[in-house]
C-alpha atoms as a PDB file:
ATOM      1  CA  MET A   1       0.125   0.150   0.072  1.00  0.00           C
ATOM      2  CA  GLU A   2       1.386   3.503  -1.326  1.00  0.00           C
ATOM      3  CA  GLY A   3       2.040   5.562   1.850  1.00  0.00           C
ATOM      4  CA  VAL A   4       2.070   3.000   4.625  1.00  0.00           C
ATOM      5  CA  PRO A   5       5.418   2.973   6.194  1.00  0.00           C
ATOM      6  CA  GLU A   6       7.063  -0.504   6.739  1.00  0.00           C
ATOM      7  CA  PRO A   7       6.668  -2.466   9.779  1.00  0.00           C
ATOM      8  CA  HIS A   8       8.527  -1.036  12.862  1.00  0.00           C
ATOM      9  CA  ALA A   9      10.358  -3.269  15.748  1.00  0.00           C
ATOM     10  CA  GLY A  10       9.719  -1.905  19.160  1.00  0.00           C
ATOM     11  CA  TRP A  11       7.055   0.212  20.995  1.00  0.00           C
ATOM     12  CA  THR A  12       4.758   2.048  19.638  1.00  0.00           C
ATOM     13  CA  PHE A  13       2.334   4.796  21.048  1.00  0.00           C
ATOM     14  CA  LEU A  14      -0.741   2.915  19.830  1.00  0.00           C
ATOM     15  CA  THR A  15      -2.169  -0.225  20.880  1.00  0.00           C
ATOM     16  CA  ASN A  16      -3.309  -2.689  18.283  1.00  0.00           C
ATOM     17  CA  HIS A  17      -7.016  -2.050  19.635  1.00  0.00           C
ATOM     18  CA  ALA A  18      -6.910   1.514  19.134  1.00  0.00           C
ATOM     19  CA  ARG A  19      -5.280   0.936  15.605  1.00  0.00           C
ATOM     20  CA  VAL A  20      -7.982  -1.381  14.883  1.00  0.00           C
ATOM     21  CA  LEU A  21     -10.748   1.048  16.227  1.00  0.00           C
ATOM     22  CA  ALA A  22      -9.913   3.758  14.291  1.00  0.00           C
ATOM     23  CA  ALA A  23      -9.782   1.791  11.086  1.00  0.00           C
ATOM     24  CA  ILE A  24     -13.129   0.777  11.913  1.00  0.00           C
ATOM     25  CA  ALA A  25     -14.107   4.491  12.517  1.00  0.00           C
ATOM     26  CA  ASP A  26     -12.606   5.302   8.996  1.00  0.00           C
ATOM     27  CA  ASP A  27     -14.791   2.439   7.405  1.00  0.00           C
ATOM     28  CA  ARG A  28     -17.647   0.923   9.296  1.00  0.00           C
ATOM     29  CA  ASN A  29     -18.016  -1.689   6.355  1.00  0.00           C
ATOM     30  CA  ALA A  30     -14.595  -2.552   6.517  1.00  0.00           C
ATOM     31  CA  ARG A  31     -13.629  -6.179   5.662  1.00  0.00           C
ATOM     32  CA  ILE A  32     -11.422  -7.807   8.522  1.00  0.00           C
ATOM     33  CA  ARG A  33      -8.781  -8.450   5.598  1.00  0.00           C
ATOM     34  CA  ASP A  34      -8.817  -4.686   4.842  1.00  0.00           C
ATOM     35  CA  ILE A  35      -8.517  -3.958   8.449  1.00  0.00           C
ATOM     36  CA  ALA A  36      -5.682  -6.349   8.961  1.00  0.00           C
ATOM     37  CA  VAL A  37      -3.335  -5.111   5.835  1.00  0.00           C
ATOM     38  CA  ARG A  38      -4.050  -1.086   7.081  1.00  0.00           C
ATOM     39  CA  CYS A  39      -3.114  -1.758  10.574  1.00  0.00           C
ATOM     40  CA  ARG A  40      -0.187  -4.467   9.332  1.00  0.00           C
ATOM     41  CA  LEU A  41      -1.762  -7.584  11.520  1.00  0.00           C
ATOM     42  CA  THR A  42      -2.853 -10.688  10.818  1.00  0.00           C
ATOM     43  CA  GLU A  43      -6.732 -11.344   9.999  1.00  0.00           C
ATOM     44  CA  ARG A  44      -6.937 -13.752  13.138  1.00  0.00           C
ATOM     45  CA  ALA A  45      -5.505 -11.012  15.146  1.00  0.00           C
ATOM     46  CA  VAL A  46      -7.947  -8.562  14.206  1.00  0.00           C
ATOM     47  CA  GLN A  47     -10.815 -10.817  14.701  1.00  0.00           C
ATOM     48  CA  LYS A  48      -9.313 -11.698  18.198  1.00  0.00           C
ATOM     49  CA  ILE A  49      -8.948  -7.623  18.682  1.00  0.00           C
ATOM     50  CA  ILE A  50     -12.755  -7.166  17.302  1.00  0.00           C
ATOM     51  CA  ALA A  51     -13.968 -10.120  19.838  1.00  0.00           C
ATOM     52  CA  ASP A  52     -12.452  -7.905  22.582  1.00  0.00           C
ATOM     53  CA  LEU A  53     -13.952  -4.588  21.507  1.00  0.00           C
ATOM     54  CA  GLU A  54     -17.300  -6.128  21.363  1.00  0.00           C
ATOM     55  CA  GLN A  55     -17.045  -8.240  24.650  1.00  0.00           C
ATOM     56  CA  ALA A  56     -16.131  -4.893  26.333  1.00  0.00           C
ATOM     57  CA  ARG A  57     -19.155  -3.256  24.758  1.00  0.00           C
ATOM     58  CA  TYR A  58     -17.062  -0.642  22.814  1.00  0.00           C
ATOM     59  CA  LEU A  59     -18.094  -2.004  19.251  1.00  0.00           C
ATOM     60  CA  SER A  60     -21.018  -4.062  18.187  1.00  0.00           C
ATOM     61  CA  HIS A  61     -21.814  -5.530  14.417  1.00  0.00           C
ATOM     62  CA  THR A  62     -24.648  -6.351  12.623  1.00  0.00           C
ATOM     63  CA  ARG A  63     -24.303  -8.744   9.914  1.00  0.00           C
ATOM     64  CA  GLU A  64     -25.511  -7.901   6.326  1.00  0.00           C
ATOM     65  CA  GLY A  65     -25.386 -10.687   3.945  1.00  0.00           C
ATOM     66  CA  ARG A  66     -21.921 -11.594   3.820  1.00  0.00           C
ATOM     67  CA  SER A  67     -20.410  -8.430   5.378  1.00  0.00           C
ATOM     68  CA  ASN A  68     -20.668  -6.733   8.419  1.00  0.00           C
ATOM     69  CA  THR A  69     -21.547  -3.087   9.751  1.00  0.00           C
ATOM     70  CA  TYR A  70     -19.772  -2.161  12.788  1.00  0.00           C
ATOM     71  CA  ARG A  71     -20.906   0.490  15.472  1.00  0.00           C
ATOM     72  CA  ILE A  72     -18.330   2.108  17.796  1.00  0.00           C
ATOM     73  CA  ASP A  73     -19.999   3.385  21.219  1.00  0.00           C
ATOM     74  CA  PRO A  74     -18.405   6.641  21.380  1.00  0.00           C
ATOM     75  CA  SER A  75     -19.551   7.437  24.655  1.00  0.00           C
ATOM     76  CA  LYS A  76     -17.594   4.550  26.629  1.00  0.00           C
ATOM     77  CA  VAL A  77     -14.757   5.707  28.263  1.00  0.00           C
ATOM     78  CA  LEU A  78     -11.089   4.345  27.986  1.00  0.00           C
ATOM     79  CA  ARG A  79      -9.873   1.261  29.959  1.00  0.00           C
ATOM     80  CA  HIS A  80      -6.905   2.747  31.719  1.00  0.00           C
ATOM     81  CA  PRO A  81      -7.247   4.704  35.143  1.00  0.00           C
ATOM     82  CA  ALA A  82      -4.642   7.139  33.488  1.00  0.00           C
ATOM     83  CA  GLU A  83      -7.202   8.214  31.035  1.00  0.00           C
ATOM     84  CA  ALA A  84     -10.218   8.531  33.612  1.00  0.00           C
ATOM     85  CA  GLY A  85     -13.013   9.919  31.887  1.00  0.00           C
ATOM     86  CA  VAL A  86     -11.558   9.915  28.415  1.00  0.00           C
ATOM     87  CA  THR A  87     -14.103   8.614  25.837  1.00  0.00           C
ATOM     88  CA  VAL A  88     -13.587   6.951  22.719  1.00  0.00           C
ATOM     89  CA  ALA A  89     -15.201   9.610  21.013  1.00  0.00           C
ATOM     90  CA  SER A  90     -12.217  11.945  22.190  1.00  0.00           C
ATOM     91  CA  LEU A  91      -9.670   9.155  21.305  1.00  0.00           C
ATOM     92  CA  LEU A  92     -10.853   8.876  17.700  1.00  0.00           C
ATOM     93  CA  SER A  93     -11.304  12.413  17.114  1.00  0.00           C
ATOM     94  CA  LEU A  94      -7.471  13.024  17.852  1.00  0.00           C
ATOM     95  CA  LEU A  95      -6.378  10.261  15.656  1.00  0.00           C
ATOM     96  CA  ALA A  96      -8.809  11.325  12.607  1.00  0.00           C
ATOM     97  CA  GLN A  97      -7.397  14.814  12.986  1.00  0.00           C
ATOM     98  CA  ASP A  98      -4.083  13.269  12.826  1.00  0.00           C
ATOM     99  CA  GLU A  99      -4.672  11.513   9.731  1.00  0.00           C
ATOM    100  CA  ALA A 100      -6.035  14.395   7.972  1.00  0.00           C
ATOM    101  CA  ASP A 101      -2.991  16.408   9.010  1.00  0.00           C
ATOM    102  CA  ARG A 102      -0.834  13.705   7.357  1.00  0.00           C
ATOM    103  CA  THR A 103      -2.599  13.452   4.491  1.00  0.00           C
ATOM    104  CA  ALA A 104      -3.108  17.215   3.723  1.00  0.00           C
ATOM    105  CA  MET A 105       0.926  17.588   4.606  1.00  0.00           C
ATOM    106  CA  PRO A 106       3.285  17.779   1.749  1.00  0.00           C
ATOM    107  CA  GLN A 107       6.126  14.932   1.983  1.00  0.00           C
ATOM    108  CA  SER A 108       8.957  17.447   2.114  1.00  0.00           C
ATOM    109  CA  ALA A 109       6.980  19.103   5.012  1.00  0.00           C
ATOM    110  CA  SER A 110       6.646  15.760   6.977  1.00  0.00           C
ATOM    111  CA  THR A 111      10.144  14.503   6.699  1.00  0.00           C
ATOM    112  CA  SER A 112      11.420  18.018   8.223  1.00  0.00           C
ATOM    113  CA  ARG A 113       8.787  17.730  11.130  1.00  0.00           C
ATOM    114  CA  GLY A 114      11.312  15.349  12.954  1.00  0.00           C
ATOM    115  CA  SER A 115      13.822  17.769  13.305  1.00  0.00           C
ATOM    116  CA  GLU A 116      12.173  20.277  15.512  1.00  0.00           C
END
């Protein structure tokens, strides 16, 4: 996929659960295969994460023919005590804004930002 960075070894700021949730927020009808490619995970890992999110009631789905339509509960608060009171909607709005900024930013500007 063009514009997607190569896999990264080591720790990252976002969990795979946050990445999957953000991918679903971008496309409520996304296939597991597409989510896996976008998040650089296996399809099985995405299935497990979706099951986790559904069990915790952050996410639900309805079956429409052979596809799923996902619904995110934006009012759910994040699980870690350090984020007490922060909602899924707040997290997703930050991620959506970042994505919009990154796609609008020219390549030369994005590479020079790292030196600031």
